[in-house]
């Protein structure tokens, strides 16, 4: 190359982004997440509730959730009463809880439809394992008197501690 001839640049090629490997990785990731999230039921935040262990193999069904912490009683995340009030109450039925549980019944339709739905209504009680039995008994009795035909108690499966999952008896 002589000094008198100008330097020629190579024609510039456009950059190409190959998306096929990225799409492959994303499809594998989506398939993985779909497979491993299918068996998990999402339950409301149960902070402050230590759930007892169980060895039952049946999976829980969708139902109304009553959560009893050491301090409070909730229905579907709505504060109903304090645990101290429930414990000190002499009656076996908790009127505030019964009022909240009877609300969905008013929108169920005709009387015949309500009677038919009584046996299929389900409720799940998620209670701290350190609570006195008297409190849990009052809550469960109130749920039964509010015309819920199926009552379940949420527990953890009795497996290795890392693999414990929430289930219902």
Protein backbone atom coordinates (compact mmCIF):
# COMPACT_ATOMS: atom_id res chain seq x y z
CA UNK A 1 0.00 0.00 0.00
CA UNK A 2 1.44 3.30 -0.98
CA UNK A 3 1.16 6.42 1.05
CA UNK A 4 -0.59 8.27 -1.72
CA UNK A 5 -3.62 6.00 -1.95
CA UNK A 6 -6.33 6.82 0.56
CA UNK A 7 -7.22 4.29 3.23
CA UNK A 8 -10.44 2.46 2.39
CA UNK A 9 -12.75 1.33 5.10
CA UNK A 10 -14.59 -1.91 4.83
CA UNK A 11 -18.30 -1.46 4.26
CA UNK A 12 -20.00 -1.64 7.61
CA UNK A 13 -22.35 -4.57 8.22
CA UNK A 14 -25.52 -4.10 10.24
CA UNK A 15 -25.50 -5.78 13.64
CA UNK A 16 -27.94 -8.66 13.96
CA UNK A 17 -29.43 -9.73 17.27
CA UNK A 18 -30.20 -13.43 17.39
CA UNK A 19 -33.30 -13.86 19.59
CA UNK A 20 -33.82 -17.59 19.11
CA UNK A 21 -31.67 -18.69 22.11
CA UNK A 22 -33.41 -16.11 24.32
CA UNK A 23 -36.85 -17.36 23.23
CA UNK A 24 -35.78 -20.95 23.95
CA UNK A 25 -34.67 -20.05 27.47
CA UNK A 26 -37.86 -18.11 28.16
CA UNK A 27 -40.10 -20.94 26.94
CA UNK A 28 -38.30 -23.42 29.21
CA UNK A 29 -38.66 -20.99 32.13
CA UNK A 30 -42.39 -20.51 31.49
CA UNK A 31 -42.95 -24.28 31.25
CA UNK A 32 -41.05 -24.80 34.51
CA UNK A 33 -43.09 -22.16 36.34
CA UNK A 34 -46.39 -23.55 35.04
CA UNK A 35 -45.58 -27.09 36.13
CA UNK A 36 -44.38 -26.22 39.62
CA UNK A 37 -47.00 -23.60 40.44
CA UNK A 38 -50.02 -25.78 39.56
CA UNK A 39 -50.05 -27.73 42.87
CA UNK A 40 -49.83 -24.72 45.17
CA UNK A 41 -52.89 -23.08 46.66
CA UNK A 42 -52.48 -19.47 47.63
CA UNK A 43 -53.71 -18.79 51.14
CA UNK A 44 -53.98 -15.36 52.69
CA UNK A 45 -50.96 -13.97 54.47
CA UNK A 46 -50.72 -15.92 57.70
CA UNK A 47 -48.10 -13.84 59.50
CA UNK A 48 -48.40 -14.36 63.20
CA UNK A 49 -50.07 -17.78 62.81
CA UNK A 50 -48.08 -20.92 63.54
CA UNK A 51 -50.01 -23.70 61.79
CA UNK A 52 -50.00 -27.27 63.23
CA UNK A 53 -48.61 -30.27 61.28
CA UNK A 54 -50.61 -33.05 59.57
CA UNK A 55 -49.96 -36.15 57.49
CA UNK A 56 -53.15 -35.91 55.36
CA UNK A 57 -52.68 -36.17 51.58
CA UNK A 58 -55.85 -34.41 50.40
CA UNK A 59 -55.44 -30.94 48.93
CA UNK A 60 -57.51 -28.01 50.19
CA UNK A 61 -60.44 -26.61 48.17
CA UNK A 62 -61.30 -22.96 47.69
CA UNK A 63 -63.45 -21.79 50.59
CA UNK A 64 -64.09 -18.94 52.99
CA UNK A 65 -61.00 -18.44 55.18
CA UNK A 66 -61.28 -17.71 58.91
CA UNK A 67 -57.86 -16.88 60.39
CA UNK A 68 -57.24 -16.80 64.14
CA UNK A 69 -53.96 -15.20 65.23
CA UNK A 70 -52.77 -14.85 68.80
CA UNK A 71 -54.41 -11.42 68.93
CA UNK A 72 -57.21 -11.20 66.34
CA UNK A 73 -59.92 -13.04 64.40
CA UNK A 74 -60.20 -12.39 60.64
CA UNK A 75 -62.63 -13.51 57.91
CA UNK A 76 -61.22 -13.19 54.39
CA UNK A 77 -58.72 -10.62 55.75
CA UNK A 78 -61.40 -8.50 57.48
CA UNK A 79 -60.90 -7.95 61.22
CA UNK A 80 -63.90 -9.33 63.13
CA UNK A 81 -62.89 -9.46 66.82
CA UNK A 82 -59.92 -9.78 69.13
CA UNK A 83 -58.93 -13.19 70.46
CA UNK A 84 -59.16 -11.88 74.03
CA UNK A 85 -62.82 -10.92 73.47
CA UNK A 86 -63.57 -14.39 72.08
CA UNK A 87 -61.81 -16.07 75.02
CA UNK A 88 -63.61 -13.93 77.64
CA UNK A 89 -67.04 -14.37 76.06
CA UNK A 90 -69.23 -16.83 77.96
CA UNK A 91 -71.52 -17.69 75.01
CA UNK A 92 -70.48 -20.47 72.65
CA UNK A 93 -71.36 -18.39 69.56
CA UNK A 94 -69.45 -15.29 68.49
CA UNK A 95 -72.08 -12.84 67.27
CA UNK A 96 -69.67 -10.62 65.29
CA UNK A 97 -68.33 -13.66 63.42
CA UNK A 98 -71.82 -15.00 62.77
CA UNK A 99 -72.88 -11.63 61.33
CA UNK A 100 -69.92 -11.59 58.92
CA UNK A 101 -70.42 -15.23 57.88
CA UNK A 102 -74.12 -14.75 57.19
CA UNK A 103 -73.53 -11.86 54.76
CA UNK A 104 -72.86 -13.97 51.63
CA UNK A 105 -76.05 -15.93 52.32
CA UNK A 106 -78.24 -12.87 51.66
CA UNK A 107 -77.09 -12.67 48.03
CA UNK A 108 -77.50 -16.38 47.30
CA UNK A 109 -80.88 -16.08 45.57
CA UNK A 110 -84.18 -17.74 46.36
CA UNK A 111 -84.89 -19.74 49.51
CA UNK A 112 -84.74 -23.04 47.57
CA UNK A 113 -81.30 -22.15 46.18
CA UNK A 114 -80.10 -21.21 49.67
CA UNK A 115 -81.29 -24.54 51.13
CA UNK A 116 -79.55 -26.44 48.32
CA UNK A 117 -76.31 -24.50 48.85
CA UNK A 118 -76.20 -25.11 52.62
CA UNK A 119 -74.59 -28.54 52.44
CA UNK A 120 -71.97 -27.47 49.90
CA UNK A 121 -70.75 -24.28 51.63
CA UNK A 122 -67.17 -24.71 52.81
CA UNK A 123 -65.09 -22.82 55.34
CA UNK A 124 -61.42 -23.20 56.32
CA UNK A 125 -60.14 -22.27 59.78
CA UNK A 126 -56.48 -21.24 59.96
CA UNK A 127 -55.56 -21.06 63.66
CA UNK A 128 -52.35 -20.55 65.57
CA UNK A 129 -51.36 -23.80 67.29
CA UNK A 130 -50.72 -22.05 70.62
CA UNK A 131 -54.34 -20.86 70.95
CA UNK A 132 -56.50 -22.46 73.64
CA UNK A 133 -58.90 -25.07 72.34
CA UNK A 134 -61.84 -23.09 73.78
CA UNK A 135 -61.24 -20.25 71.28
CA UNK A 136 -60.99 -22.58 68.28
CA UNK A 137 -64.10 -24.47 69.47
CA UNK A 138 -66.13 -21.26 69.68
CA UNK A 139 -65.04 -20.20 66.20
CA UNK A 140 -65.81 -23.62 64.71
CA UNK A 141 -69.19 -23.75 66.50
CA UNK A 142 -70.08 -20.32 65.15
CA UNK A 143 -69.10 -21.40 61.61
CA UNK A 144 -71.33 -24.46 61.89
CA UNK A 145 -74.25 -22.40 63.20
CA UNK A 146 -73.78 -19.98 60.26
CA UNK A 147 -74.89 -22.86 57.97
CA UNK A 148 -71.52 -23.94 56.61
CA UNK A 149 -71.85 -27.64 55.83
CA UNK A 150 -68.15 -28.44 55.46
CA UNK A 151 -65.58 -27.22 57.98
CA UNK A 152 -61.83 -27.67 57.47
CA UNK A 153 -58.85 -26.94 59.70
CA UNK A 154 -55.70 -25.76 57.89
CA UNK A 155 -52.49 -27.57 58.89
CA UNK A 156 -48.98 -28.11 57.51
CA UNK A 157 -48.10 -31.47 55.98
CA UNK A 158 -45.85 -33.48 58.28
CA UNK A 159 -42.80 -33.80 56.01
CA UNK A 160 -39.24 -32.55 56.02
CA UNK A 161 -39.23 -28.95 57.34
CA UNK A 162 -38.04 -27.48 54.01
CA UNK A 163 -40.77 -29.22 52.01
CA UNK A 164 -43.74 -28.52 54.30
CA UNK A 165 -46.85 -27.31 52.44
CA UNK A 166 -50.19 -25.99 53.64
CA UNK A 167 -53.07 -28.46 53.45
CA UNK A 168 -56.53 -28.89 54.92
CA UNK A 169 -57.96 -31.80 56.93
